Amino acid sequence: MKTIGVVTPGGDAPGMNAAIRAVTRIAHSRKLQVIGFERGWDGLLTNNFKRLTPRAVGGIIQLGGTMLHTLRCPKFEEKEGVKKAAETLAANNVDGLVVIGGDGSFRGALDLSRESRTLMVGIPATIDNDVFGTEETIGFDTAVNTAVKAIDQIRDTAISHERIFIVEVMGRKRGFLALDVGITVGAEVILVPENECKMTEIIGVLKENERKGKKTGIIVAAEGVGDTAAIAKQIEKQTGSEVRLSILGYAQRGGSPTARSRLLAGLFAEKAVDLLCQEQGNKVVGLKNGAVANIDIAESCKKRKPLDLRLLKLAEMLAI
C-alpha cells in the first residue's frame, strides 16, 4: 500500500472535511501518499484530483461540506463510466480508495470494485443515518442539533401565538432524523415514512392535548411522509387551530460539525486506513455496540437499516 485516494460522492454532510483531514494525516503518518478526487465520481472520470498533505488539510476540521466538492455524475452509473474510473485509479497507482458518503456512494464503490484492483473502504457520512452496518453516521449528530436549535426557537413563537407548528426535516425515505429530533424537542407528534400515521390519529392526539389544556403543539415530520402543507390544512380544518408549516431544508446539511461528528470522523478514518494497510478491501466501517467495526460493503448495500419504532411509544409518553 503506497497511495490512497479519497472521494466524497453524493450529498454532503457535516464532518466530511474532518474525515478527509483524518484520512490524510493518518495515512501520511504511515508513509502513504494521499490524493483527493474532486467533485465525486466525476473526478475519477476526468482524472481531476489534488495531492492531499497534512498541511493541505489544515484548518478544515471545523468546516461543513467537503473541500473536495461533490457533483451528480450520471455517467458513472453507466458501465463505461465505471470502467473509466477504474482506469483512472490504475493510471495513478491508487492502491486503496476511501469513499466518504452514504449508501448510494457505497453502491458505486461496490460497482467500481468489480472493475478495479483498488481496494475500497467506505466511511459513512450522511445526515440520514441510514447506512446499514453502523449505529451512527458522520454528520447525523450535527443535523439533529441544527434541527433541535431551530425548533426550540419555533416553539417560542408557537407558545406565544398558541399555534400548532409542523416542522419538516430532511428524510425522503427514512425517518432517523425526524425520530431523534422529535424526541429531543418534545414533539407532540412525530411522522416518519416507516410508520403510517393516519390523519384521524393525528387529530385525536391534538384534540386530546387541547382537552388537557395544551394550546400549542409541535409536529416533526420527515419530508418523505408526503405533502406537509396539505397535512397542515387538514389539521386546521378539523381542529379549528392555527397551523403553520416550517421547512428547515438544506440548513440541516451544513454548518460546523459537532464534537461528536468530528470524533466519529477521526475514529472511522483510523479504521479505514488500518483496513487498507492490512490489504482488506470492500469494507464499510462503522459503530457496532459503541465500538468501531466493519462489515462487507456488499452486505451494507444489500440490507436495510431498521428504525427503532419503539421510540415512537417513548415519544408519546414524554409528550403527555
C-alpha atoms as a PDB file:
ATOM      1  CA  MET A   1       0.000   0.000   0.000  1.00  0.00           C
ATOM      2  CA  LYS A   2       1.619   3.212  -1.211  1.00  0.00           C
ATOM      3  CA  THR A   3      -1.140   5.539  -2.401  1.00  0.00           C
ATOM      4  CA  ILE A   4      -4.652   6.118  -1.041  1.00  0.00           C
ATOM      5  CA  GLY A   5      -7.360   8.013  -2.865  1.00  0.00           C
ATOM      6  CA  VAL A   6     -10.251   9.876  -1.205  1.00  0.00           C
ATOM      7  CA  VAL A   7     -13.588  10.774  -2.788  1.00  0.00           C
ATOM      8  CA  THR A   8     -16.831  12.309  -1.486  1.00  0.00           C
ATOM      9  CA  PRO A   9     -19.677  11.405  -3.869  1.00  0.00           C
ATOM     10  CA  GLY A  10     -23.325  12.124  -3.126  1.00  0.00           C
ATOM     11  CA  GLY A  11     -24.813  14.579  -0.663  1.00  0.00           C
ATOM     12  CA  ASP A  12     -22.605  16.500   1.728  1.00  0.00           C
ATOM     13  CA  ALA A  13     -22.702  16.051   5.495  1.00  0.00           C
ATOM     14  CA  PRO A  14     -21.064  17.998   8.343  1.00  0.00           C
ATOM     15  CA  GLY A  15     -17.859  16.220   9.314  1.00  0.00           C
ATOM     16  CA  MET A  16     -16.783  15.155   5.823  1.00  0.00           C
ATOM     17  CA  ASN A  17     -13.909  17.620   5.946  1.00  0.00           C
ATOM     18  CA  ALA A  18     -12.885  16.246   9.327  1.00  0.00           C
ATOM     19  CA  ALA A  19     -12.834  12.758   7.777  1.00  0.00           C
ATOM     20  CA  ILE A  20     -10.748  13.922   4.785  1.00  0.00           C
ATOM     21  CA  ARG A  21      -8.307  15.549   7.204  1.00  0.00           C
ATOM     22  CA  ALA A  22      -8.106  12.448   9.390  1.00  0.00           C
ATOM     23  CA  VAL A  23      -7.576  10.024   6.497  1.00  0.00           C
ATOM     24  CA  THR A  24      -4.853  12.253   5.075  1.00  0.00           C
ATOM     25  CA  ARG A  25      -2.911  12.724   8.282  1.00  0.00           C
ATOM     26  CA  ILE A  26      -3.217   9.125   9.478  1.00  0.00           C
ATOM     27  CA  ALA A  27      -2.115   7.872   6.045  1.00  0.00           C
ATOM     28  CA  HIS A  28       0.880  10.235   5.972  1.00  0.00           C
ATOM     29  CA  SER A  29       1.885   9.118   9.473  1.00  0.00           C
ATOM     30  CA  ARG A  30       2.202   5.649   7.913  1.00  0.00           C
ATOM     31  CA  LYS A  31       4.284   6.922   4.987  1.00  0.00           C
ATOM     32  CA  LEU A  32       1.432   6.730   2.476  1.00  0.00           C
ATOM     33  CA  GLN A  33       0.617   9.256  -0.225  1.00  0.00           C
ATOM     34  CA  VAL A  34      -2.941  10.618  -0.499  1.00  0.00           C
ATOM     35  CA  ILE A  35      -4.791  12.116  -3.449  1.00  0.00           C
ATOM     36  CA  GLY A  36      -8.288  13.568  -3.321  1.00  0.00           C
ATOM     37  CA  PHE A  37     -10.545  13.194  -6.349  1.00  0.00           C
ATOM     38  CA  GLU A  38     -12.633  16.318  -6.841  1.00  0.00           C
ATOM     39  CA  ARG A  39     -16.390  16.539  -7.447  1.00  0.00           C
ATOM     40  CA  GLY A  40     -17.213  12.980  -6.530  1.00  0.00           C
ATOM     41  CA  TRP A  41     -17.167  10.252  -9.168  1.00  0.00           C
ATOM     42  CA  ASP A  42     -16.733  12.910 -11.848  1.00  0.00           C
ATOM     43  CA  GLY A  43     -13.165  13.377 -10.624  1.00  0.00           C
ATOM     44  CA  LEU A  44     -12.435   9.741 -11.403  1.00  0.00           C
ATOM     45  CA  LEU A  45     -13.873  10.087 -14.898  1.00  0.00           C
ATOM     46  CA  THR A  46     -11.912  13.268 -15.675  1.00  0.00           C
ATOM     47  CA  ASN A  47      -8.770  12.398 -13.693  1.00  0.00           C
ATOM     48  CA  ASN A  48      -9.247  15.551 -11.660  1.00  0.00           C
ATOM     49  CA  PHE A  49      -7.519  15.324  -8.282  1.00  0.00           C
ATOM     50  CA  LYS A  50      -5.320  17.200  -5.837  1.00  0.00           C
ATOM     51  CA  ARG A  51      -2.472  15.996  -3.653  1.00  0.00           C
ATOM     52  CA  LEU A  52      -3.515  15.901  -0.024  1.00  0.00           C
ATOM     53  CA  THR A  53      -0.777  16.604   2.502  1.00  0.00           C
ATOM     54  CA  PRO A  54      -1.038  17.261   6.248  1.00  0.00           C
ATOM     55  CA  ARG A  55      -0.735  20.994   5.518  1.00  0.00           C
ATOM     56  CA  ALA A  56      -3.245  20.923   2.657  1.00  0.00           C
ATOM     57  CA  VAL A  57      -5.960  19.738   5.053  1.00  0.00           C
ATOM     58  CA  GLY A  58      -5.132  22.201   7.812  1.00  0.00           C
ATOM     59  CA  GLY A  59      -7.910  24.471   9.082  1.00  0.00           C
ATOM     60  CA  ILE A  60     -10.825  22.393   7.739  1.00  0.00           C
ATOM     61  CA  ILE A  61     -11.859  20.308  10.744  1.00  0.00           C
ATOM     62  CA  GLN A  62     -14.471  22.909  11.773  1.00  0.00           C
ATOM     63  CA  LEU A  63     -15.873  23.464   8.280  1.00  0.00           C
ATOM     64  CA  GLY A  64     -19.070  21.906   6.969  1.00  0.00           C
ATOM     65  CA  GLY A  65     -19.382  20.484   3.469  1.00  0.00           C
ATOM     66  CA  THR A  66     -16.465  18.899   1.618  1.00  0.00           C
ATOM     67  CA  MET A  67     -13.303  20.594   0.384  1.00  0.00           C
ATOM     68  CA  LEU A  68     -13.247  18.054  -2.464  1.00  0.00           C
ATOM     69  CA  HIS A  69     -16.724  19.175  -3.572  1.00  0.00           C
ATOM     70  CA  THR A  70     -19.399  16.857  -4.912  1.00  0.00           C
ATOM     71  CA  LEU A  71     -21.373  16.574  -8.123  1.00  0.00           C
ATOM     72  CA  ARG A  72     -24.059  14.324  -9.559  1.00  0.00           C
ATOM     73  CA  CYS A  73     -22.444  12.053 -12.120  1.00  0.00           C
ATOM     74  CA  PRO A  74     -24.930  10.140 -14.311  1.00  0.00           C
ATOM     75  CA  LYS A  75     -22.067   8.831 -16.488  1.00  0.00           C
ATOM     76  CA  PHE A  76     -20.703   6.854 -13.549  1.00  0.00           C
ATOM     77  CA  GLU A  77     -23.963   4.915 -13.436  1.00  0.00           C
ATOM     78  CA  GLU A  78     -23.118   3.507 -16.869  1.00  0.00           C
ATOM     79  CA  LYS A  79     -20.757   0.557 -17.349  1.00  0.00           C
ATOM     80  CA  GLU A  80     -18.365   2.585 -19.473  1.00  0.00           C
ATOM     81  CA  GLY A  81     -18.183   5.232 -16.764  1.00  0.00           C
ATOM     82  CA  VAL A  82     -17.238   2.684 -14.126  1.00  0.00           C
ATOM     83  CA  LYS A  83     -14.544   1.283 -16.432  1.00  0.00           C
ATOM     84  CA  LYS A  84     -13.152   4.776 -16.989  1.00  0.00           C
ATOM     85  CA  ALA A  85     -12.992   5.350 -13.235  1.00  0.00           C
ATOM     86  CA  ALA A  86     -11.118   2.057 -12.822  1.00  0.00           C
ATOM     87  CA  GLU A  87      -8.641   3.140 -15.487  1.00  0.00           C
ATOM     88  CA  THR A  88      -8.042   6.409 -13.643  1.00  0.00           C
ATOM     89  CA  LEU A  89      -7.283   4.552 -10.417  1.00  0.00           C
ATOM     90  CA  ALA A  90      -4.846   2.279 -12.232  1.00  0.00           C
ATOM     91  CA  ALA A  91      -3.148   5.173 -14.065  1.00  0.00           C
ATOM     92  CA  ASN A  92      -2.489   6.943 -10.765  1.00  0.00           C
ATOM     93  CA  ASN A  93      -1.383   3.754  -8.977  1.00  0.00           C
ATOM     94  CA  VAL A  94      -4.104   4.134  -6.351  1.00  0.00           C
ATOM     95  CA  ASP A  95      -3.912   1.054  -4.119  1.00  0.00           C
ATOM     96  CA  GLY A  96      -6.855   1.929  -1.866  1.00  0.00           C
ATOM     97  CA  LEU A  97      -9.837   4.245  -2.230  1.00  0.00           C
ATOM     98  CA  VAL A  98     -11.676   5.724   0.754  1.00  0.00           C
ATOM     99  CA  VAL A  99     -15.254   6.570  -0.193  1.00  0.00           C
ATOM    100  CA  ILE A 100     -16.875   9.038   2.220  1.00  0.00           C
ATOM    101  CA  GLY A 101     -20.655   9.136   1.835  1.00  0.00           C
ATOM    102  CA  GLY A 102     -23.904   7.216   2.181  1.00  0.00           C
ATOM    103  CA  ASP A 103     -25.421   4.034   0.814  1.00  0.00           C
ATOM    104  CA  GLY A 104     -25.595   5.392  -2.744  1.00  0.00           C
ATOM    105  CA  SER A 105     -21.879   6.159  -2.676  1.00  0.00           C
ATOM    106  CA  PHE A 106     -21.147   2.680  -1.376  1.00  0.00           C
ATOM    107  CA  ARG A 107     -23.161   1.057  -4.145  1.00  0.00           C
ATOM    108  CA  GLY A 108     -20.995   2.998  -6.567  1.00  0.00           C
ATOM    109  CA  ALA A 109     -17.862   1.783  -4.777  1.00  0.00           C
ATOM    110  CA  LEU A 110     -19.126  -1.792  -4.980  1.00  0.00           C
ATOM    111  CA  ASP A 111     -19.644  -1.459  -8.740  1.00  0.00           C
ATOM    112  CA  LEU A 112     -16.183   0.044  -9.098  1.00  0.00           C
ATOM    113  CA  SER A 113     -14.588  -2.775  -7.099  1.00  0.00           C
ATOM    114  CA  ARG A 114     -15.746  -5.244  -9.751  1.00  0.00           C
ATOM    115  CA  GLU A 115     -13.756  -3.394 -12.409  1.00  0.00           C
ATOM    116  CA  SER A 116     -10.707  -2.396 -10.390  1.00  0.00           C
ATOM    117  CA  ARG A 117      -7.981  -3.977  -8.287  1.00  0.00           C
ATOM    118  CA  THR A 118      -8.032  -0.946  -5.995  1.00  0.00           C
ATOM    119  CA  LEU A 119      -9.262  -1.801  -2.508  1.00  0.00           C
ATOM    120  CA  MET A 120     -12.429   0.054  -1.475  1.00  0.00           C
ATOM    121  CA  VAL A 121     -13.322   1.158   2.055  1.00  0.00           C
ATOM    122  CA  GLY A 122     -16.406   3.210   2.890  1.00  0.00           C
ATOM    123  CA  ILE A 123     -16.698   5.798   5.654  1.00  0.00           C
ATOM    124  CA  PRO A 124     -20.392   6.503   6.389  1.00  0.00           C
ATOM    125  CA  ALA A 125     -21.161  10.222   6.302  1.00  0.00           C
ATOM    126  CA  THR A 126     -24.799  11.228   5.838  1.00  0.00           C
ATOM    127  CA  ILE A 127     -27.323  13.147   7.913  1.00  0.00           C
ATOM    128  CA  ASP A 128     -29.912  10.452   7.138  1.00  0.00           C
ATOM    129  CA  ASN A 129     -28.104   7.917   9.379  1.00  0.00           C
ATOM    130  CA  ASP A 130     -29.478   5.135   7.166  1.00  0.00           C
ATOM    131  CA  VAL A 131     -26.310   3.158   6.380  1.00  0.00           C
ATOM    132  CA  PHE A 132     -26.590  -0.486   7.384  1.00  0.00           C
ATOM    133  CA  GLY A 133     -23.653  -1.630   9.497  1.00  0.00           C
ATOM    134  CA  THR A 134     -23.230   1.431  11.689  1.00  0.00           C
ATOM    135  CA  GLU A 135     -25.244   2.723  14.607  1.00  0.00           C
ATOM    136  CA  GLU A 136     -24.378   6.287  13.655  1.00  0.00           C
ATOM    137  CA  THR A 137     -23.024   8.156  10.652  1.00  0.00           C
ATOM    138  CA  ILE A 138     -20.802  11.218  10.476  1.00  0.00           C
ATOM    139  CA  GLY A 139     -22.980  14.330  10.306  1.00  0.00           C
ATOM    140  CA  PHE A 140     -26.093  12.870  11.905  1.00  0.00           C
ATOM    141  CA  ASP A 141     -25.456  14.372  15.343  1.00  0.00           C
ATOM    142  CA  THR A 142     -24.781  17.771  13.772  1.00  0.00           C
ATOM    143  CA  ALA A 143     -28.004  17.682  11.748  1.00  0.00           C
ATOM    144  CA  VAL A 144     -30.013  16.673  14.820  1.00  0.00           C
ATOM    145  CA  ASN A 145     -28.573  19.557  16.823  1.00  0.00           C
ATOM    146  CA  THR A 146     -29.188  22.018  13.978  1.00  0.00           C
ATOM    147  CA  ALA A 147     -32.848  20.992  13.789  1.00  0.00           C
ATOM    148  CA  VAL A 148     -33.279  20.993  17.574  1.00  0.00           C
ATOM    149  CA  LYS A 149     -31.956  24.546  17.864  1.00  0.00           C
ATOM    150  CA  ALA A 150     -34.317  25.749  15.145  1.00  0.00           C
ATOM    151  CA  ILE A 151     -37.353  24.001  16.628  1.00  0.00           C
ATOM    152  CA  ASP A 152     -36.623  25.314  20.120  1.00  0.00           C
ATOM    153  CA  GLN A 153     -36.881  28.797  18.631  1.00  0.00           C
ATOM    154  CA  ILE A 154     -40.036  27.907  16.694  1.00  0.00           C
ATOM    155  CA  ARG A 155     -41.672  26.645  19.890  1.00  0.00           C
ATOM    156  CA  ASP A 156     -41.242  30.092  21.438  1.00  0.00           C
ATOM    157  CA  THR A 157     -43.407  31.504  18.665  1.00  0.00           C
ATOM    158  CA  ALA A 158     -45.838  28.576  18.851  1.00  0.00           C
ATOM    159  CA  ILE A 159     -46.398  29.229  22.564  1.00  0.00           C
ATOM    160  CA  SER A 160     -46.695  32.988  22.117  1.00  0.00           C
ATOM    161  CA  HIS A 161     -49.370  32.675  19.431  1.00  0.00           C
ATOM    162  CA  GLU A 162     -50.924  29.450  20.737  1.00  0.00           C
ATOM    163  CA  ARG A 163     -50.425  27.748  17.399  1.00  0.00           C
ATOM    164  CA  ILE A 164     -49.567  24.309  16.115  1.00  0.00           C
ATOM    165  CA  PHE A 165     -46.396  24.091  14.040  1.00  0.00           C
ATOM    166  CA  ILE A 166     -45.465  21.344  11.611  1.00  0.00           C
ATOM    167  CA  VAL A 167     -41.686  21.296  11.184  1.00  0.00           C
ATOM    168  CA  GLU A 168     -40.447  19.341   8.193  1.00  0.00           C
ATOM    169  CA  VAL A 169     -36.948  17.891   8.484  1.00  0.00           C
ATOM    170  CA  MET A 170     -34.937  16.010   5.879  1.00  0.00           C
ATOM    171  CA  GLY A 171     -35.534  12.332   5.244  1.00  0.00           C
ATOM    172  CA  ARG A 172     -37.064  11.444   1.880  1.00  0.00           C
ATOM    173  CA  LYS A 173     -37.065   7.715   2.555  1.00  0.00           C
ATOM    174  CA  ARG A 174     -36.048   7.249   6.172  1.00  0.00           C
ATOM    175  CA  GLY A 175     -37.096   8.747   9.498  1.00  0.00           C
ATOM    176  CA  PHE A 176     -33.971   8.518  11.674  1.00  0.00           C
ATOM    177  CA  LEU A 177     -33.503  12.293  11.767  1.00  0.00           C
ATOM    178  CA  ALA A 178     -37.182  13.064  12.421  1.00  0.00           C
ATOM    179  CA  LEU A 179     -37.383  10.485  15.199  1.00  0.00           C
ATOM    180  CA  ASP A 180     -34.344  11.699  17.145  1.00  0.00           C
ATOM    181  CA  VAL A 181     -35.266  15.341  16.632  1.00  0.00           C
ATOM    182  CA  GLY A 182     -38.892  14.756  17.596  1.00  0.00           C
ATOM    183  CA  ILE A 183     -37.980  13.093  20.872  1.00  0.00           C
ATOM    184  CA  THR A 184     -35.382  15.673  21.841  1.00  0.00           C
ATOM    185  CA  VAL A 185     -37.651  18.683  21.206  1.00  0.00           C
ATOM    186  CA  GLY A 186     -40.630  17.116  22.960  1.00  0.00           C
ATOM    187  CA  ALA A 187     -42.785  16.948  19.837  1.00  0.00           C
ATOM    188  CA  GLU A 188     -46.433  16.046  20.339  1.00  0.00           C
ATOM    189  CA  VAL A 189     -46.472  14.063  17.080  1.00  0.00           C
ATOM    190  CA  ILE A 190     -43.643  12.514  15.034  1.00  0.00           C
ATOM    191  CA  LEU A 191     -44.239  11.463  11.439  1.00  0.00           C
ATOM    192  CA  VAL A 192     -41.809   9.084   9.698  1.00  0.00           C
ATOM    193  CA  PRO A 193     -42.032   7.196   6.373  1.00  0.00           C
ATOM    194  CA  GLU A 194     -41.605   3.830   8.118  1.00  0.00           C
ATOM    195  CA  ASN A 195     -44.795   4.200  10.166  1.00  0.00           C
ATOM    196  CA  GLU A 196     -48.092   5.160   8.569  1.00  0.00           C
ATOM    197  CA  CYS A 197     -49.911   7.607  10.802  1.00  0.00           C
ATOM    198  CA  LYS A 198     -53.496   8.279   9.764  1.00  0.00           C
ATOM    199  CA  MET A 199     -54.941  11.760   9.920  1.00  0.00           C
ATOM    200  CA  THR A 200     -57.541  10.547  12.412  1.00  0.00           C
ATOM    201  CA  GLU A 201     -54.737   9.585  14.786  1.00  0.00           C
ATOM    202  CA  ILE A 202     -53.033  12.958  14.468  1.00  0.00           C
ATOM    203  CA  ILE A 203     -56.301  14.807  15.054  1.00  0.00           C
ATOM    204  CA  GLY A 204     -57.062  12.558  18.006  1.00  0.00           C
ATOM    205  CA  VAL A 205     -53.752  13.405  19.682  1.00  0.00           C
ATOM    206  CA  LEU A 206     -54.177  17.147  19.117  1.00  0.00           C
ATOM    207  CA  LYS A 207     -57.765  17.211  20.389  1.00  0.00           C
ATOM    208  CA  GLU A 208     -56.802  15.214  23.466  1.00  0.00           C
ATOM    209  CA  ASN A 209     -53.964  17.653  24.111  1.00  0.00           C
ATOM    210  CA  GLU A 210     -56.430  20.539  23.837  1.00  0.00           C
ATOM    211  CA  ARG A 211     -58.685  18.800  26.363  1.00  0.00           C
ATOM    212  CA  LYS A 212     -55.704  18.599  28.722  1.00  0.00           C
ATOM    213  CA  GLY A 213     -55.127  22.321  28.382  1.00  0.00           C
ATOM    214  CA  LYS A 214     -52.395  22.306  25.753  1.00  0.00           C
ATOM    215  CA  LYS A 215     -52.941  25.251  23.446  1.00  0.00           C
ATOM    216  CA  THR A 216     -49.889  24.668  21.256  1.00  0.00           C
ATOM    217  CA  GLY A 217     -48.051  21.781  19.683  1.00  0.00           C
ATOM    218  CA  ILE A 218     -45.061  20.743  17.603  1.00  0.00           C
ATOM    219  CA  ILE A 219     -45.315  18.102  14.896  1.00  0.00           C
ATOM    220  CA  VAL A 220     -41.977  16.908  13.493  1.00  0.00           C
ATOM    221  CA  ALA A 221     -42.323  15.301  10.056  1.00  0.00           C
ATOM    222  CA  ALA A 222     -39.767  13.694   7.769  1.00  0.00           C
ATOM    223  CA  GLU A 223     -40.114  15.056   4.233  1.00  0.00           C
ATOM    224  CA  GLY A 224     -40.864  11.543   2.995  1.00  0.00           C
ATOM    225  CA  VAL A 225     -44.251  11.344   4.729  1.00  0.00           C
ATOM    226  CA  GLY A 226     -45.916  13.345   1.978  1.00  0.00           C
ATOM    227  CA  ASP A 227     -47.325  16.823   1.428  1.00  0.00           C
ATOM    228  CA  THR A 228     -46.856  18.532   4.785  1.00  0.00           C
ATOM    229  CA  ALA A 229     -48.668  21.643   3.542  1.00  0.00           C
ATOM    230  CA  ALA A 230     -51.755  19.515   2.863  1.00  0.00           C
ATOM    231  CA  ILE A 231     -51.418  17.925   6.298  1.00  0.00           C
ATOM    232  CA  ALA A 232     -51.345  21.396   7.869  1.00  0.00           C
ATOM    233  CA  LYS A 233     -54.538  22.403   6.057  1.00  0.00           C
ATOM    234  CA  GLN A 234     -56.328  19.229   7.150  1.00  0.00           C
ATOM    235  CA  ILE A 235     -55.375  19.797  10.782  1.00  0.00           C
ATOM    236  CA  GLU A 236     -56.538  23.397  10.627  1.00  0.00           C
ATOM    237  CA  LYS A 237     -59.848  22.343   9.085  1.00  0.00           C
ATOM    238  CA  GLN A 238     -60.542  19.553  11.571  1.00  0.00           C
ATOM    239  CA  THR A 239     -59.337  21.222  14.766  1.00  0.00           C
ATOM    240  CA  GLY A 240     -60.006  24.916  14.185  1.00  0.00           C
ATOM    241  CA  SER A 241     -56.473  25.666  15.408  1.00  0.00           C
ATOM    242  CA  GLU A 242     -53.989  27.894  13.640  1.00  0.00           C
ATOM    243  CA  VAL A 243     -51.359  25.707  11.975  1.00  0.00           C
ATOM    244  CA  ARG A 244     -48.090  26.880  10.470  1.00  0.00           C
ATOM    245  CA  LEU A 245     -45.559  24.921   8.406  1.00  0.00           C
ATOM    246  CA  SER A 246     -41.807  25.435   8.693  1.00  0.00           C
ATOM    247  CA  ILE A 247     -39.475  23.566   6.332  1.00  0.00           C
ATOM    248  CA  LEU A 248     -35.913  23.524   7.666  1.00  0.00           C
ATOM    249  CA  GLY A 249     -34.377  22.424   4.355  1.00  0.00           C
ATOM    250  CA  TYR A 250     -30.695  22.408   3.474  1.00  0.00           C
ATOM    251  CA  ALA A 251     -29.591  24.194   6.653  1.00  0.00           C
ATOM    252  CA  GLN A 252     -29.529  20.726   8.216  1.00  0.00           C
ATOM    253  CA  ARG A 253     -26.778  19.579   5.848  1.00  0.00           C
ATOM    254  CA  GLY A 254     -24.432  22.463   6.552  1.00  0.00           C
ATOM    255  CA  GLY A 255     -22.756  24.170   9.444  1.00  0.00           C
ATOM    256  CA  SER A 256     -19.794  23.427  11.659  1.00  0.00           C
ATOM    257  CA  PRO A 257     -19.766  19.747  12.716  1.00  0.00           C
ATOM    258  CA  THR A 258     -20.366  18.949  16.363  1.00  0.00           C
ATOM    259  CA  ALA A 259     -17.703  17.377  18.548  1.00  0.00           C
ATOM    260  CA  ARG A 260     -19.478  14.030  18.073  1.00  0.00           C
ATOM    261  CA  SER A 261     -19.353  14.222  14.267  1.00  0.00           C
ATOM    262  CA  ARG A 262     -15.678  15.218  14.366  1.00  0.00           C
ATOM    263  CA  LEU A 263     -14.827  12.381  16.747  1.00  0.00           C
ATOM    264  CA  LEU A 264     -16.540   9.792  14.544  1.00  0.00           C
ATOM    265  CA  ALA A 265     -14.633  11.175  11.547  1.00  0.00           C
ATOM    266  CA  GLY A 266     -11.328  10.500  13.285  1.00  0.00           C
ATOM    267  CA  LEU A 267     -12.311   7.054  14.557  1.00  0.00           C
ATOM    268  CA  PHE A 268     -13.717   5.908  11.210  1.00  0.00           C
ATOM    269  CA  ALA A 269     -10.714   7.280   9.298  1.00  0.00           C
ATOM    270  CA  GLU A 270      -8.274   5.396  11.502  1.00  0.00           C
ATOM    271  CA  LYS A 271     -10.161   2.138  10.938  1.00  0.00           C
ATOM    272  CA  ALA A 272     -10.360   2.749   7.184  1.00  0.00           C
ATOM    273  CA  VAL A 273      -6.618   3.320   6.848  1.00  0.00           C
ATOM    274  CA  ASP A 274      -5.905   0.305   9.076  1.00  0.00           C
ATOM    275  CA  LEU A 275      -8.008  -1.930   6.832  1.00  0.00           C
ATOM    276  CA  LEU A 276      -6.218  -0.734   3.707  1.00  0.00           C
ATOM    277  CA  CYS A 277      -2.805  -1.222   5.315  1.00  0.00           C
ATOM    278  CA  GLN A 278      -3.886  -4.778   6.088  1.00  0.00           C
ATOM    279  CA  GLU A 279      -4.810  -5.222   2.400  1.00  0.00           C
ATOM    280  CA  GLN A 280      -8.506  -5.543   3.258  1.00  0.00           C
ATOM    281  CA  GLY A 281     -10.986  -4.014   0.854  1.00  0.00           C
ATOM    282  CA  ASN A 282     -14.706  -3.920   0.095  1.00  0.00           C
ATOM    283  CA  LYS A 283     -15.485  -2.879   3.665  1.00  0.00           C
ATOM    284  CA  VAL A 284     -17.620  -0.245   5.348  1.00  0.00           C
ATOM    285  CA  VAL A 285     -16.516   0.981   8.758  1.00  0.00           C
ATOM    286  CA  GLY A 286     -18.938   1.997  11.492  1.00  0.00           C
ATOM    287  CA  LEU A 287     -20.089   1.617  15.070  1.00  0.00           C
ATOM    288  CA  LYS A 288     -21.354  -1.672  16.479  1.00  0.00           C
ATOM    289  CA  ASN A 289     -22.323  -1.744  20.151  1.00  0.00           C
ATOM    290  CA  GLY A 290     -20.426   1.513  20.545  1.00  0.00           C
ATOM    291  CA  ALA A 291     -17.142   0.145  19.153  1.00  0.00           C
ATOM    292  CA  VAL A 292     -15.579   0.800  15.746  1.00  0.00           C
ATOM    293  CA  ALA A 293     -16.055  -2.216  13.482  1.00  0.00           C
ATOM    294  CA  ASN A 294     -16.542  -3.073   9.821  1.00  0.00           C
ATOM    295  CA  ILE A 295     -18.742  -5.159   7.539  1.00  0.00           C
ATOM    296  CA  ASP A 296     -18.606  -6.166   3.883  1.00  0.00           C
ATOM    297  CA  ILE A 297     -19.680  -3.345   1.594  1.00  0.00           C
ATOM    298  CA  ALA A 298     -21.982  -5.737  -0.288  1.00  0.00           C
ATOM    299  CA  GLU A 299     -23.842  -6.531   2.939  1.00  0.00           C
ATOM    300  CA  SER A 300     -24.164  -2.841   3.794  1.00  0.00           C
ATOM    301  CA  CYS A 301     -25.617  -2.103   0.348  1.00  0.00           C
ATOM    302  CA  LYS A 302     -27.982  -5.066   0.390  1.00  0.00           C
ATOM    303  CA  LYS A 303     -29.558  -4.702   3.825  1.00  0.00           C
ATOM    304  CA  ARG A 304     -31.900  -2.018   5.135  1.00  0.00           C
ATOM    305  CA  LYS A 305     -31.067  -0.438   8.467  1.00  0.00           C
ATOM    306  CA  PRO A 306     -34.065  -0.784  10.804  1.00  0.00           C
ATOM    307  CA  LEU A 307     -35.648   2.205  12.502  1.00  0.00           C
ATOM    308  CA  ASP A 308     -36.475   1.572  16.155  1.00  0.00           C
ATOM    309  CA  LEU A 309     -40.204   2.289  16.049  1.00  0.00           C
ATOM    310  CA  ARG A 310     -40.471   1.586  19.780  1.00  0.00           C
ATOM    311  CA  LEU A 311     -39.063   5.082  20.238  1.00  0.00           C
ATOM    312  CA  LEU A 312     -42.365   6.447  18.928  1.00  0.00           C
ATOM    313  CA  LYS A 313     -44.015   4.992  22.048  1.00  0.00           C
ATOM    314  CA  LEU A 314     -41.394   6.704  24.199  1.00  0.00           C
ATOM    315  CA  ALA A 315     -42.146   9.965  22.410  1.00  0.00           C
ATOM    316  CA  GLU A 316     -45.872   9.538  23.121  1.00  0.00           C
ATOM    317  CA  MET A 317     -45.240   9.046  26.847  1.00  0.00           C
ATOM    318  CA  LEU A 318     -42.920  12.038  27.018  1.00  0.00           C
ATOM    319  CA  ALA A 319     -45.455  14.281  25.268  1.00  0.00           C
ATOM    320  CA  ILE A 320     -48.484  13.740  27.520  1.00  0.00           C
END
